[in-house]
Amino acid sequence: MATISNTPRPGYVWDSTDNVWYPIGVGGHSHGEIPATIVDAKGDLIAGTAADTVSRLAVGTNGQYLKADSTAGTGLAWATLPSSGKVLQVVYSETSTDTSITGTTFTDTGSSATITPTLATSKVLVLTTQGVGVNKTNPANFAAGGIRLLRGATVLQATNTDGGYYILADTTSPYGVELKSSQVINYLDSPATTSATTYKIQIAASDATTIVRTGFDNGYSSIVLMEIGA
């Protein structure tokens, strides 16, 4: 028999088991290849929509994941990872500016931080450590000061100068009284906005002869803002 190379078409193939040549290329042909034109962009997927039927699933956006979805035409869908309970961003601010406040009016210390929430449903966890001191040059049995946290003009952690978060020194020394300490305020806020939001610290003294200070002796005060997905 002639070899395959010089056998007239349709041609043959040798079956060593049957020890016989079988014709090839005989009869009708059908091609089931998926055409390249079915996809339109980088990352497109080909998904089955029914028996022997396929369709294009357009690429998702950066960071999305693919999930099964029986309501979708292809049975698949791109989805964004849930943000619930996750830290979406962190903002940190510190200052060592020496600020002295005399009197009972709460006044900005310069310790502040601004965050722009990515979602209006997010919460903001505020963690603050403030180096604060009080002193009184005239002999007295106490010197007290108040400290409070605000979002913009809204007081979040309400205090007064002799209660709540406070700094207190108690002595009858003829040289006056003085106390330096670190005050901590932690607060979970729900600002309900995607606009830039500023949190700040204010302090006040218990009376007109008491001085409340921050940033003395190069002491640092800090604020940490953490956006938490709701």
Protein backbone atom coordinates (compact mmCIF):
# COMPACT_ATOMS: atom_id res chain seq x y z
CA MET A 1 0.00 0.00 0.00
CA ALA A 2 1.15 3.53 -0.61
CA THR A 3 2.40 5.59 2.29
CA ILE A 4 0.40 8.42 3.76
CA SER A 5 2.69 10.97 2.18
CA ASN A 6 1.81 9.97 -1.38
CA THR A 7 -1.68 8.59 -0.86
CA PRO A 8 -4.35 10.61 -2.66
CA ARG A 9 -6.64 12.48 -0.40
CA PRO A 10 -8.68 11.95 1.73
CA GLY A 11 -5.72 9.99 3.19
CA TYR A 12 -5.19 7.17 5.65
CA VAL A 13 -3.80 6.47 9.10
CA TRP A 14 -2.17 3.20 10.19
CA ASP A 15 -3.68 1.35 13.16
CA SER A 16 -0.95 -0.91 14.57
CA THR A 17 -3.44 -2.84 16.70
CA ASP A 18 -5.75 -3.75 13.82
CA ASN A 19 -2.80 -3.83 11.43
CA VAL A 20 -4.76 -1.88 8.89
CA TRP A 21 -4.92 1.53 7.25
CA TYR A 22 -8.02 3.57 8.05
CA PRO A 23 -9.20 6.43 5.84
CA ILE A 24 -9.25 9.89 7.39
CA GLY A 25 -10.92 13.10 6.30
CA VAL A 26 -13.96 11.23 5.05
CA GLY A 27 -17.45 12.60 5.50
CA GLY A 28 -18.77 15.90 6.77
CA HIS A 29 -16.80 18.04 9.24
CA SER A 30 -17.97 20.41 11.94
CA HIS A 31 -15.84 22.77 14.01
CA GLY A 32 -16.81 23.64 17.59
CA GLU A 33 -14.05 26.07 18.37
CA ILE A 34 -15.07 29.22 20.29
CA PRO A 35 -14.29 32.22 18.07
CA ALA A 36 -11.83 34.76 19.44
CA THR A 37 -14.28 37.53 18.55
CA ILE A 38 -16.47 36.57 21.51
CA VAL A 39 -14.21 38.55 23.88
CA ASP A 40 -13.84 42.32 23.68
CA ALA A 41 -11.35 43.32 26.38
CA LYS A 42 -8.47 42.14 28.50
CA GLY A 43 -9.76 40.02 31.36
CA ASP A 44 -13.07 39.04 29.71
CA LEU A 45 -14.22 35.51 30.57
CA ILE A 46 -16.18 32.92 28.61
CA ALA A 47 -18.90 31.32 30.69
CA GLY A 48 -21.46 28.63 29.98
CA THR A 49 -25.06 29.87 29.97
CA ALA A 50 -26.79 26.59 29.02
CA ALA A 51 -26.00 23.22 27.47
CA ASP A 52 -23.53 23.69 24.61
CA THR A 53 -23.93 27.49 24.93
CA VAL A 54 -21.40 30.08 26.02
CA SER A 55 -21.40 33.82 26.55
CA ARG A 56 -18.96 36.59 27.42
CA LEU A 57 -18.60 37.86 30.98
CA ALA A 58 -17.04 41.31 30.89
CA VAL A 59 -14.02 41.90 33.12
CA GLY A 60 -14.71 43.38 36.56
CA THR A 61 -12.96 46.30 38.22
CA ASN A 62 -9.67 46.17 40.15
CA GLY A 63 -9.94 44.36 43.46
CA GLN A 64 -13.24 42.59 42.71
CA TYR A 65 -13.69 38.84 43.03
CA LEU A 66 -15.74 36.36 40.99
CA LYS A 67 -18.72 34.70 42.67
CA ALA A 68 -21.48 32.32 41.67
CA ASP A 69 -24.76 34.14 41.04
CA SER A 70 -27.72 32.19 39.71
CA THR A 71 -29.59 35.41 38.89
CA ALA A 72 -26.89 36.53 36.45
CA GLY A 73 -27.05 35.56 32.78
CA THR A 74 -23.77 33.66 32.94
CA GLY A 75 -24.31 32.30 36.45
CA LEU A 76 -21.33 34.35 37.56
CA ALA A 77 -20.87 37.92 38.77
CA TRP A 78 -18.09 40.26 39.86
CA ALA A 79 -18.40 41.55 43.42
CA THR A 80 -16.57 43.87 45.78
CA LEU A 81 -15.22 42.49 49.05
CA PRO A 82 -17.43 43.55 51.97
CA SER A 83 -16.04 46.35 54.06
CA SER A 84 -17.94 45.56 57.25
CA GLY A 85 -15.73 45.56 60.31
CA LYS A 86 -12.58 46.30 58.32
CA VAL A 87 -10.14 49.17 58.85
CA LEU A 88 -10.40 51.18 55.65
CA GLN A 89 -7.84 53.87 56.46
CA VAL A 90 -5.79 55.30 59.33
CA VAL A 91 -4.82 58.92 59.96
CA TYR A 92 -2.21 59.90 62.56
CA SER A 93 -1.33 63.32 63.90
CA GLU A 94 0.93 64.51 66.70
CA THR A 95 2.01 67.83 68.11
CA SER A 96 4.39 69.16 70.75
CA THR A 97 3.29 72.78 70.58
CA ASP A 98 3.36 74.36 74.04
CA THR A 99 -0.12 75.75 74.69
CA SER A 100 -1.25 77.41 77.91
CA ILE A 101 -4.89 78.06 78.76
CA THR A 102 -6.00 80.20 81.68
CA GLY A 103 -9.66 80.38 82.62
CA THR A 104 -12.76 78.27 82.24
CA THR A 105 -13.35 78.64 78.50
CA PHE A 106 -12.52 75.50 76.53
CA THR A 107 -9.89 76.40 73.94
CA ASP A 108 -8.21 74.52 71.06
CA THR A 109 -4.83 73.02 71.90
CA GLY A 110 -3.62 72.51 68.33
CA SER A 111 -3.98 68.74 68.66
CA SER A 112 -6.21 67.72 65.75
CA ALA A 113 -6.50 65.30 62.82
CA THR A 114 -8.64 65.24 59.69
CA ILE A 115 -10.07 62.22 57.90
CA THR A 116 -12.24 61.88 54.78
CA PRO A 117 -14.42 58.75 55.16
CA THR A 118 -14.77 56.64 52.03
CA LEU A 119 -18.31 55.58 53.01
CA ALA A 120 -21.05 57.53 54.75
CA THR A 121 -21.91 54.41 56.74
CA SER A 122 -18.42 54.09 58.21
CA LYS A 123 -17.58 54.71 61.83
CA VAL A 124 -14.46 56.55 62.98
CA LEU A 125 -12.56 55.23 65.98
CA VAL A 126 -10.74 58.09 67.69
CA LEU A 127 -7.78 57.22 69.92
CA THR A 128 -6.07 60.13 71.66
CA THR A 129 -3.27 60.53 74.16
CA GLN A 130 -2.74 64.06 75.41
CA GLY A 131 0.12 65.32 77.54
CA VAL A 132 -1.59 67.81 79.87
CA GLY A 133 -0.62 69.61 83.05
CA VAL A 134 -2.14 72.06 85.53
CA ASN A 135 -0.56 74.53 87.89
CA LYS A 136 -1.53 77.39 90.14
CA THR A 137 0.91 80.04 91.24
CA ASN A 138 -1.11 81.03 94.31
CA PRO A 139 -1.32 78.63 97.24
CA ALA A 140 -4.46 76.55 96.92
CA ASN A 141 -5.75 73.16 97.84
CA PHE A 142 -6.42 72.10 94.26
CA ALA A 143 -5.92 72.99 90.64
CA ALA A 144 -8.06 71.29 88.03
CA GLY A 145 -8.49 71.34 84.31
CA GLY A 146 -10.89 69.79 81.83
CA ILE A 147 -10.18 68.14 78.48
CA ARG A 148 -12.64 67.24 75.75
CA LEU A 149 -12.90 65.80 72.23
CA LEU A 150 -14.79 67.47 69.40
CA ARG A 151 -15.76 66.68 65.81
CA GLY A 152 -15.74 70.10 64.20
CA ALA A 153 -17.83 72.18 66.61
CA THR A 154 -19.67 69.17 68.06
CA VAL A 155 -18.57 67.98 71.50
CA LEU A 156 -18.27 64.19 71.45
CA GLN A 157 -16.83 63.52 74.88
CA ALA A 158 -18.49 66.11 77.08
CA THR A 159 -16.55 67.27 80.15
CA ASN A 160 -16.35 70.14 82.53
CA THR A 161 -13.42 71.59 84.41
CA ASP A 162 -13.95 69.57 87.57
CA GLY A 163 -15.50 66.36 86.33
CA GLY A 164 -15.34 63.78 83.57
CA TYR A 165 -11.90 63.65 81.95
CA TYR A 166 -9.91 65.94 84.15
CA ILE A 167 -6.46 66.73 85.49
CA LEU A 168 -6.29 67.43 89.21
CA ALA A 169 -3.50 68.42 91.59
CA ASP A 170 -4.09 68.64 95.32
CA THR A 171 -1.63 70.28 97.73
CA THR A 172 -1.26 73.19 100.10
CA SER A 173 2.32 73.88 99.13
CA PRO A 174 3.26 77.57 99.46
CA TYR A 175 4.90 77.25 96.05
CA GLY A 176 1.66 76.43 94.33
CA VAL A 177 0.63 73.16 92.74
CA GLU A 178 1.58 71.46 89.53
CA LEU A 179 0.77 68.14 87.88
CA LYS A 180 1.78 66.65 84.53
CA SER A 181 0.04 63.62 83.14
CA SER A 182 -1.11 61.82 80.01
CA GLN A 183 -4.83 61.87 79.44
CA VAL A 184 -6.45 59.26 77.16
CA ILE A 185 -9.76 59.68 75.34
CA ASN A 186 -11.13 56.92 73.10
CA TYR A 187 -14.36 57.41 71.18
CA LEU A 188 -16.26 55.55 68.43
CA ASP A 189 -17.99 58.13 66.24
CA SER A 190 -20.55 57.90 63.42
CA PRO A 191 -19.96 61.05 61.34
CA ALA A 192 -22.33 59.92 58.52
CA THR A 193 -20.41 61.78 55.82
CA THR A 194 -17.83 61.40 53.07
CA SER A 195 -16.54 64.94 53.54
CA ALA A 196 -13.30 65.89 55.28
CA THR A 197 -13.93 65.68 59.03
CA THR A 198 -11.70 67.18 61.73
CA TYR A 199 -11.38 65.89 65.29
CA LYS A 200 -9.66 68.06 67.89
CA ILE A 201 -8.87 68.46 71.57
CA GLN A 202 -9.80 71.40 73.79
CA ILE A 203 -8.79 72.15 77.38
CA ALA A 204 -9.94 74.56 80.08
CA ALA A 205 -9.03 75.45 83.66
CA SER A 206 -11.20 75.23 86.72
CA ASP A 207 -10.89 78.92 87.50
CA ALA A 208 -9.25 82.16 86.42
CA THR A 209 -6.04 81.56 88.40
CA THR A 210 -5.37 78.01 87.15
CA ILE A 211 -3.24 77.32 84.09
CA VAL A 212 -3.70 74.22 81.93
CA ARG A 213 -0.88 73.36 79.53
CA THR A 214 -0.08 70.93 76.74
CA GLY A 215 3.21 70.39 74.94
CA PHE A 216 5.42 71.50 77.85
CA ASP A 217 8.90 70.00 78.20
CA ASN A 218 8.63 68.78 74.56
CA GLY A 219 5.77 66.49 75.52
CA TYR A 220 3.81 65.04 72.60
CA SER A 221 0.07 64.69 72.12
CA SER A 222 -1.35 62.43 69.43
CA ILE A 223 -4.60 61.53 67.70
CA VAL A 224 -5.26 58.36 65.69
CA LEU A 225 -8.35 58.19 63.45
CA MET A 226 -9.42 54.80 62.07
CA GLU A 227 -12.22 54.46 59.53
CA ILE A 228 -14.13 51.25 60.26
CA GLY A 229 -16.42 49.78 57.59
CA ALA A 230 -19.95 49.50 59.01
